[in-house]
Amino acid sequence: MPIEKTQNRSDAPGDEHDEFVFPWNIFESLQDTSAVPWTCVRSRPRWEKKLCRLLRSRMIPYYMPVVSRQTYSGRKLRDSLLPLFPGFVFVKGNHTKGAFKDTGCVASVLNPASQLGIEVLDGQIRSVRRMLALGGPVELTTKYEIGEKLTIDSGPLRGISGTVTSTANTKKLVLWVDMLGVGAAVELGCDTILAKAGAVQARSFQLCSAGPTR
């Protein structure tokens, strides 16, 4: 079921996606990423919104990335907000499926198995949040792209790493979310500067430039 945009912005005035993140400043208020891990909670089909409401009523912090899509209701075209990762809500805390048993809307949960996994998942969720915050198109991808990992080295997405894919007209950076086995793809501008991920003093290059830059 499409999730309609809400006009009730009691939690964070001006944030049109406020019903899908609680509290609204969760990414600013939780700076110690190792102290509070994320749990990937999978809802029953089309129950993501209900799960968000239940979490909010219990004051449990959560984040569900959403994207704007045009859908038809009868003959009427609507702008709707749909989950970027269908079925999944990221919930702060180390939760088990049993913790949500009484809700009736949780199918399973996924938890990082190590401290490294906790930090990696947190970084990936924050990167997805930044990609969506730009307001441009972000797409779900289920195909794992094999290739060299690169890091954006310019602009508002600087520091985000992923695999670059190319078609005839576009280049996209795919950020793979390991816990979910899916990725988020964002189109790169021609002037985007990239560098090899994790390299020390790596030389960067521009997508549409033949020569490297320092």
Protein backbone atom coordinates (compact mmCIF):
# COMPACT_ATOMS: atom_id res chain seq x y z
CA MET A 1 0.00 0.00 0.00
CA PRO A 2 1.45 3.41 -0.94
CA ILE A 3 2.26 5.61 2.03
CA GLU A 4 0.71 9.02 1.47
CA LYS A 5 2.59 12.18 2.45
CA THR A 6 1.48 13.45 5.81
CA GLN A 7 0.50 17.03 6.52
CA ASN A 8 0.81 16.52 10.28
CA ARG A 9 4.33 17.59 11.15
CA SER A 10 4.11 17.69 14.93
CA ASP A 11 7.49 16.01 15.43
CA ALA A 12 9.65 18.17 13.15
CA PRO A 13 8.00 21.11 11.42
CA GLY A 14 9.05 21.35 7.78
CA ASP A 15 10.19 17.72 7.44
CA GLU A 16 7.78 16.04 5.03
CA HIS A 17 9.10 12.59 5.94
CA ASP A 18 8.76 13.00 9.72
CA GLU A 19 6.48 10.01 10.25
CA PHE A 20 9.24 7.72 8.98
CA VAL A 21 11.95 8.81 11.42
CA PHE A 22 11.71 9.10 15.20
CA PRO A 23 12.92 11.13 16.88
CA TRP A 24 13.39 13.61 14.04
CA ASN A 25 16.98 14.35 15.14
CA ILE A 26 17.98 10.71 15.63
CA PHE A 27 21.08 11.06 13.45
CA GLU A 28 22.25 14.13 15.34
CA SER A 29 21.43 12.87 18.85
CA LEU A 30 23.09 9.47 18.51
CA GLN A 31 26.70 10.27 17.71
CA ASP A 32 28.28 7.20 19.37
CA THR A 33 27.52 4.64 16.67
CA SER A 34 28.95 1.74 18.67
CA ALA A 35 26.84 2.38 21.78
CA VAL A 36 23.41 1.77 20.23
CA PRO A 37 23.31 -0.65 17.26
CA TRP A 38 20.62 -0.82 14.60
CA THR A 39 18.29 -3.79 14.18
CA CYS A 40 16.88 -4.44 10.70
CA VAL A 41 13.23 -5.28 11.35
CA ARG A 42 11.27 -6.89 8.54
CA SER A 43 7.54 -6.28 8.66
CA ARG A 44 4.78 -8.36 7.21
CA PRO A 45 4.01 -7.34 3.61
CA ARG A 46 2.75 -3.74 3.33
CA TRP A 47 2.77 -3.21 7.12
CA GLU A 48 5.78 -0.89 7.27
CA LYS A 49 3.68 2.16 8.13
CA LYS A 50 1.82 0.33 10.91
CA LEU A 51 5.13 -0.81 12.36
CA CYS A 52 6.40 2.80 12.36
CA ARG A 53 3.29 3.94 14.23
CA LEU A 54 3.70 1.20 16.84
CA LEU A 55 7.37 2.04 17.36
CA ARG A 56 6.56 5.72 17.77
CA SER A 57 3.79 4.96 20.30
CA ARG A 58 6.38 3.05 22.36
CA MET A 59 9.00 5.80 22.00
CA ILE A 60 11.39 3.43 20.20
CA PRO A 61 13.77 5.25 17.79
CA TYR A 62 13.53 4.12 14.16
CA TYR A 63 14.20 5.17 10.58
CA MET A 64 12.52 4.00 7.38
CA PRO A 65 14.04 5.43 4.17
CA VAL A 66 11.32 6.45 1.71
CA VAL A 67 11.26 7.67 -1.89
CA SER A 68 8.66 9.69 -3.75
CA ARG A 69 6.82 7.88 -6.52
CA GLN A 70 3.80 8.67 -8.68
CA THR A 71 1.09 6.04 -8.38
CA TYR A 72 -2.46 5.71 -9.67
CA SER A 73 -5.50 5.41 -7.42
CA GLY A 74 -8.31 4.65 -9.83
CA ARG A 75 -7.78 7.31 -12.50
CA LYS A 76 -6.14 9.80 -10.15
CA LEU A 77 -2.37 10.29 -10.21
CA ARG A 78 -0.87 10.71 -6.75
CA ASP A 79 2.52 11.50 -5.31
CA SER A 80 3.20 8.79 -2.74
CA LEU A 81 6.05 7.91 -0.42
CA LEU A 82 7.18 4.30 -0.70
CA PRO A 83 9.82 2.42 1.33
CA LEU A 84 13.19 2.42 -0.43
CA PHE A 85 13.79 -1.04 1.03
CA PRO A 86 10.34 -2.70 0.96
CA GLY A 87 9.46 -4.41 4.23
CA PHE A 88 12.37 -3.07 6.28
CA VAL A 89 12.50 -0.54 9.10
CA PHE A 90 15.78 0.26 10.88
CA VAL A 91 15.20 0.25 14.65
CA LYS A 92 17.70 1.55 17.21
CA GLY A 93 18.67 -1.04 19.80
CA ASN A 94 19.60 -4.71 19.88
CA HIS A 95 16.14 -6.23 19.45
CA THR A 96 14.90 -9.79 19.00
CA LYS A 97 11.80 -10.89 17.11
CA GLY A 98 10.20 -11.71 20.46
CA ALA A 99 10.31 -8.05 21.42
CA PHE A 100 7.72 -7.36 18.71
CA LYS A 101 5.62 -10.49 19.15
CA ASP A 102 2.58 -8.64 20.46
CA THR A 103 2.53 -6.26 17.46
CA GLY A 104 1.60 -8.98 15.01
CA CYS A 105 3.38 -7.17 12.17
CA VAL A 106 7.02 -8.34 12.37
CA ALA A 107 8.19 -11.25 10.25
CA SER A 108 11.87 -11.35 11.24
CA VAL A 109 14.83 -9.32 12.51
CA LEU A 110 18.46 -9.07 11.44
CA ASN A 111 21.23 -8.04 13.83
CA PRO A 112 24.91 -7.32 13.11
CA ALA A 113 27.09 -10.18 14.34
CA SER A 114 30.11 -8.10 15.38
CA GLN A 115 31.25 -4.64 16.42
CA LEU A 116 32.56 -4.10 12.90
CA GLY A 117 29.16 -5.09 11.52
CA ILE A 118 27.47 -2.56 13.84
CA GLU A 119 29.71 0.24 12.61
CA VAL A 120 29.39 -0.73 8.94
CA LEU A 121 25.57 -0.87 9.10
CA ASP A 122 25.42 2.48 10.88
CA GLY A 123 27.60 4.06 8.22
CA GLN A 124 25.50 2.60 5.41
CA ILE A 125 22.23 3.83 6.95
CA ARG A 126 23.66 7.32 7.43
CA SER A 127 24.88 7.33 3.82
CA VAL A 128 21.43 6.35 2.55
CA ARG A 129 19.96 9.17 4.62
CA ARG A 130 22.36 11.66 3.00
CA MET A 131 21.57 10.38 -0.49
CA LEU A 132 17.84 10.85 0.08
CA ALA A 133 18.27 14.26 1.70
CA LEU A 134 19.45 15.73 -1.61
CA GLY A 135 15.97 15.24 -3.04
CA GLY A 136 17.15 13.59 -6.26
CA PRO A 137 16.18 10.10 -7.46
CA VAL A 138 17.50 7.19 -5.39
CA GLU A 139 16.67 3.71 -6.64
CA LEU A 140 16.57 0.25 -5.10
CA THR A 141 18.87 -2.28 -6.73
CA THR A 142 18.98 -6.00 -6.04
CA LYS A 143 21.98 -6.67 -8.27
CA TYR A 144 25.33 -6.73 -6.52
CA GLU A 145 27.83 -4.89 -8.68
CA ILE A 146 31.30 -6.40 -8.77
CA GLY A 147 34.03 -3.84 -9.22
CA GLU A 148 36.46 -1.48 -7.56
CA LYS A 149 35.06 0.40 -4.59
CA LEU A 150 35.24 4.16 -5.02
CA THR A 151 34.52 7.08 -2.72
CA ILE A 152 32.85 10.35 -3.72
CA ASP A 153 35.44 13.06 -3.13
CA SER A 154 33.41 16.20 -3.86
CA GLY A 155 30.03 17.79 -3.23
CA PRO A 156 27.33 17.01 -0.65
CA LEU A 157 27.84 13.23 -0.91
CA ARG A 158 31.55 13.41 -0.22
CA GLY A 159 32.77 10.39 1.76
CA ILE A 160 30.11 7.94 0.54
CA SER A 161 31.59 4.78 -0.96
CA GLY A 162 30.22 2.27 -3.42
CA THR A 163 30.59 0.71 -6.85
CA VAL A 164 30.18 2.86 -9.94
CA THR A 165 28.01 1.50 -12.77
CA SER A 166 27.77 2.94 -16.26
CA THR A 167 25.16 2.94 -19.01
CA ALA A 168 25.07 4.83 -22.29
CA ASN A 169 23.88 8.05 -20.69
CA THR A 170 24.41 7.82 -16.93
CA LYS A 171 26.80 6.79 -14.21
CA LYS A 172 25.52 5.72 -10.81
CA LEU A 173 27.07 4.94 -7.46
CA VAL A 174 25.61 1.82 -5.83
CA LEU A 175 25.77 1.71 -2.03
CA TRP A 176 25.27 -1.91 -0.99
CA VAL A 177 23.57 -2.54 2.37
CA ASP A 178 25.12 -5.86 3.37
CA MET A 179 22.58 -6.79 6.06
CA LEU A 180 19.66 -6.50 3.63
CA GLY A 181 21.34 -7.89 0.54
CA VAL A 182 20.16 -4.91 -1.55
CA GLY A 183 21.56 -1.55 -2.53
CA ALA A 184 20.67 2.08 -3.15
CA ALA A 185 21.77 3.71 -6.40
CA VAL A 186 22.20 7.44 -6.98
CA GLU A 187 23.07 9.14 -10.26
CA LEU A 188 26.40 10.96 -10.38
CA GLY A 189 26.96 14.31 -12.01
CA CYS A 190 29.57 14.67 -14.74
CA ASP A 191 31.71 16.82 -12.44
CA THR A 192 31.75 14.30 -9.57
CA ILE A 193 35.24 13.56 -8.28
CA LEU A 194 35.96 10.00 -7.16
CA ALA A 195 38.84 8.36 -5.32
CA LYS A 196 39.76 4.78 -4.51
CA ALA A 197 38.01 3.82 -1.26
CA GLY A 198 40.32 3.36 1.70
CA ALA A 199 43.45 4.36 -0.20
CA VAL A 200 45.99 6.57 1.55
CA GLN A 201 46.74 9.76 -0.40
CA ALA A 202 44.95 8.31 -3.41
CA ARG A 203 44.79 10.38 -6.56
CA SER A 204 41.24 11.30 -7.43
CA PHE A 205 39.66 11.69 -10.85
CA GLN A 206 36.67 13.39 -12.41
CA LEU A 207 34.05 11.31 -14.20
CA CYS A 208 34.24 13.37 -17.38
CA SER A 209 37.89 14.32 -17.18
CA ALA A 210 40.78 12.41 -18.69
CA GLY A 211 43.31 13.61 -16.15
CA PRO A 212 43.55 12.92 -12.39
CA THR A 213 43.33 15.69 -9.81
CA ARG A 214 45.03 16.14 -6.47
